[in-house]
C-alpha atoms as a PDB file:
ATOM      1  CA  MET A   1     113.919 152.652  53.898  1.00  0.00           C
ATOM      2  CA  GLU A   2     112.124 155.475  55.729  1.00  0.00           C
ATOM      3  CA  GLU A   3     110.172 154.741  58.895  1.00  0.00           C
ATOM      4  CA  THR A   4     106.724 156.262  59.373  1.00  0.00           C
ATOM      5  CA  VAL A   5     105.825 157.270  62.909  1.00  0.00           C
ATOM      6  CA  CYS A   6     102.174 157.835  63.828  1.00  0.00           C
ATOM      7  CA  THR A   7     101.282 160.237  66.563  1.00  0.00           C
ATOM      8  CA  THR A   8      98.909 159.158  69.313  1.00  0.00           C
ATOM      9  CA  GLU A   9      96.220 161.379  67.768  1.00  0.00           C
ATOM     10  CA  GLU A  10      96.610 159.683  64.382  1.00  0.00           C
ATOM     11  CA  GLN A  11      96.488 156.225  65.976  1.00  0.00           C
ATOM     12  CA  SER A  12      93.304 156.994  67.895  1.00  0.00           C
ATOM     13  CA  GLN A  13      91.626 158.193  64.691  1.00  0.00           C
ATOM     14  CA  THR A  14      92.412 154.958  62.849  1.00  0.00           C
ATOM     15  CA  ARG A  15      91.372 152.588  65.630  1.00  0.00           C
ATOM     16  CA  PRO A  16      87.830 151.272  65.265  1.00  0.00           C
ATOM     17  CA  LYS A  17      85.473 152.637  67.892  1.00  0.00           C
ATOM     18  CA  ARG A  18      84.483 150.030  70.452  1.00  0.00           C
ATOM     19  CA  GLN A  19      80.784 149.174  70.577  1.00  0.00           C
ATOM     20  CA  PRO A  20      78.982 150.264  73.746  1.00  0.00           C
ATOM     21  CA  ARG A  21      78.552 147.438  76.273  1.00  0.00           C
ATOM     22  CA  TYR A  22      75.257 146.300  77.789  1.00  0.00           C
ATOM     23  CA  ASN A  23      74.436 144.241  80.866  1.00  0.00           C
ATOM     24  CA  VAL A  24      71.821 141.503  80.772  1.00  0.00           C
ATOM     25  CA  VAL A  25      70.078 141.822  84.143  1.00  0.00           C
ATOM     26  CA  LEU A  26      68.098 138.974  85.729  1.00  0.00           C
ATOM     27  CA  TRP A  27      65.473 140.088  88.283  1.00  0.00           C
ATOM     28  CA  ASP A  28      64.324 138.205  91.373  1.00  0.00           C
ATOM     29  CA  ASP A  29      60.849 136.829  91.980  1.00  0.00           C
ATOM     30  CA  ASP A  30      59.261 134.155  94.144  1.00  0.00           C
ATOM     31  CA  ASP A  31      58.113 131.978  91.223  1.00  0.00           C
ATOM     32  CA  HIS A  32      61.428 130.326  90.307  1.00  0.00           C
ATOM     33  CA  THR A  33      63.739 127.940  92.148  1.00  0.00           C
ATOM     34  CA  TYR A  34      67.520 127.942  92.324  1.00  0.00           C
ATOM     35  CA  ALA A  35      67.396 124.735  90.247  1.00  0.00           C
ATOM     36  CA  TYR A  36      65.470 126.564  87.504  1.00  0.00           C
ATOM     37  CA  VAL A  37      68.011 129.408  87.424  1.00  0.00           C
ATOM     38  CA  ILE A  38      70.984 127.022  87.405  1.00  0.00           C
ATOM     39  CA  VAL A  39      69.574 124.934  84.523  1.00  0.00           C
ATOM     40  CA  MET A  40      68.459 127.999  82.541  1.00  0.00           C
ATOM     41  CA  LEU A  41      71.879 129.651  82.818  1.00  0.00           C
ATOM     42  CA  ALA A  42      73.577 126.402  81.798  1.00  0.00           C
ATOM     43  CA  GLU A  43      71.360 125.999  78.734  1.00  0.00           C
ATOM     44  CA  LEU A  44      71.327 129.636  77.595  1.00  0.00           C
ATOM     45  CA  PHE A  45      74.820 130.785  78.608  1.00  0.00           C
ATOM     46  CA  GLY A  46      76.819 127.570  78.996  1.00  0.00           C
ATOM     47  CA  TYR A  47      77.572 128.366  82.646  1.00  0.00           C
ATOM     48  CA  PRO A  48      78.682 125.512  84.899  1.00  0.00           C
ATOM     49  CA  PRO A  49      76.414 124.650  87.863  1.00  0.00           C
ATOM     50  CA  GLU A  50      78.720 126.461  90.323  1.00  0.00           C
ATOM     51  CA  LYS A  51      78.399 129.765  88.454  1.00  0.00           C
ATOM     52  CA  GLY A  52      74.662 129.223  88.018  1.00  0.00           C
ATOM     53  CA  TYR A  53      74.290 128.699  91.765  1.00  0.00           C
ATOM     54  CA  GLN A  54      76.368 131.799  92.510  1.00  0.00           C
ATOM     55  CA  LEU A  55      74.165 133.929  90.222  1.00  0.00           C
ATOM     56  CA  ALA A  56      70.945 132.358  91.590  1.00  0.00           C
ATOM     57  CA  LYS A  57      72.064 133.222  95.112  1.00  0.00           C
ATOM     58  CA  GLU A  58      72.966 136.781  94.068  1.00  0.00           C
ATOM     59  CA  VAL A  59      69.608 137.421  92.377  1.00  0.00           C
ATOM     60  CA  ASP A  60      67.814 135.948  95.403  1.00  0.00           C
ATOM     61  CA  THR A  61      69.690 138.050  97.974  1.00  0.00           C
ATOM     62  CA  THR A  62      70.100 141.362  96.105  1.00  0.00           C
ATOM     63  CA  GLY A  63      67.030 141.326  93.861  1.00  0.00           C
ATOM     64  CA  ARG A  64      68.988 141.354  90.604  1.00  0.00           C
ATOM     65  CA  CYS A  65      72.221 140.184  89.015  1.00  0.00           C
ATOM     66  CA  VAL A  66      74.146 140.787  85.813  1.00  0.00           C
ATOM     67  CA  VAL A  67      74.388 137.499  83.927  1.00  0.00           C
ATOM     68  CA  LEU A  68      76.303 138.824  80.892  1.00  0.00           C
ATOM     69  CA  THR A  69      77.976 141.980  79.570  1.00  0.00           C
ATOM     70  CA  THR A  70      78.151 142.181  75.790  1.00  0.00           C
ATOM     71  CA  THR A  71      77.121 144.175  72.713  1.00  0.00           C
ATOM     72  CA  ARG A  72      73.584 145.550  72.501  1.00  0.00           C
ATOM     73  CA  GLU A  73      72.417 143.062  69.865  1.00  0.00           C
ATOM     74  CA  HIS A  74      73.777 140.077  71.777  1.00  0.00           C
ATOM     75  CA  ALA A  75      72.319 141.412  75.057  1.00  0.00           C
ATOM     76  CA  GLU A  76      68.889 141.768  73.433  1.00  0.00           C
ATOM     77  CA  LEU A  77      69.089 138.194  72.141  1.00  0.00           C
ATOM     78  CA  LYS A  78      70.057 136.763  75.542  1.00  0.00           C
ATOM     79  CA  ARG A  79      67.352 138.826  77.322  1.00  0.00           C
ATOM     80  CA  ASP A  80      64.760 137.544  74.860  1.00  0.00           C
ATOM     81  CA  GLN A  81      65.935 133.961  75.406  1.00  0.00           C
ATOM     82  CA  ILE A  82      65.484 134.368  79.177  1.00  0.00           C
ATOM     83  CA  LEU A  83      62.012 135.865  78.672  1.00  0.00           C
ATOM     84  CA  ALA A  84      61.031 132.943  76.424  1.00  0.00           C
ATOM     85  CA  TYR A  85      62.604 130.178  78.516  1.00  0.00           C
ATOM     86  CA  GLY A  86      59.354 129.059  80.111  1.00  0.00           C
ATOM     87  CA  LYS A  87      57.925 128.377  83.519  1.00  0.00           C
ATOM     88  CA  ASP A  88      59.467 126.586  86.474  1.00  0.00           C
ATOM     89  CA  ASP A  89      57.795 123.172  86.686  1.00  0.00           C
ATOM     90  CA  LEU A  90      58.920 122.827  90.319  1.00  0.00           C
ATOM     91  CA  ILE A  91      56.733 125.750  91.432  1.00  0.00           C
ATOM     92  CA  GLU A  92      53.006 125.159  91.347  1.00  0.00           C
ATOM     93  CA  GLY A  93      51.311 128.192  89.867  1.00  0.00           C
ATOM     94  CA  CYS A  94      54.432 129.497  88.130  1.00  0.00           C
ATOM     95  CA  LYS A  95      53.095 131.468  85.193  1.00  0.00           C
ATOM     96  CA  GLY A  96      56.183 131.866  83.018  1.00  0.00           C
ATOM     97  CA  SER A  97      59.799 132.815  82.580  1.00  0.00           C
ATOM     98  CA  MET A  98      61.911 135.010  84.804  1.00  0.00           C
ATOM     99  CA  TYR A  99      62.107 138.728  84.062  1.00  0.00           C
ATOM    100  CA  ALA A 100      65.241 140.142  82.440  1.00  0.00           C
ATOM    101  CA  THR A 101      66.250 143.519  81.055  1.00  0.00           C
ATOM    102  CA  ILE A 102      69.272 145.108  79.450  1.00  0.00           C
ATOM    103  CA  GLU A 103      71.021 148.289  80.546  1.00  0.00           C
ATOM    104  CA  PRO A 104      73.978 150.208  79.150  1.00  0.00           C
ATOM    105  CA  VAL A 105      77.249 149.851  81.030  1.00  0.00           C
ATOM    106  CA  PRO A 106      78.353 153.307  82.239  1.00  0.00           C
ATOM    107  CA  GLU A 107      81.370 154.526  80.288  1.00  0.00           C
ATOM    108  CA  GLU A 108      84.540 154.942  82.282  1.00  0.00           C
END
């Protein structure tokens, strides 16, 4: 039986190209509490309270945080879910959901 050996060039041509990655970015504001962020991230992303708190603290101190890195379609879905999540009932005068965007992950 004869063995077939593929060169690195042949292997790279047969490998499926990886989809570009996108970050889902949550932006800070003064209309949402840590509790809101923690519960929202648990419901939409399945994050435990500890991770939700960590991300709430990051968005509060730096102005933004990446809550997920995924494919473009999935990132758009998760961004839209954040935008549609609703207002924070603990803040009087809160008008709606937090703001979120997606951005491409720079290629390495």
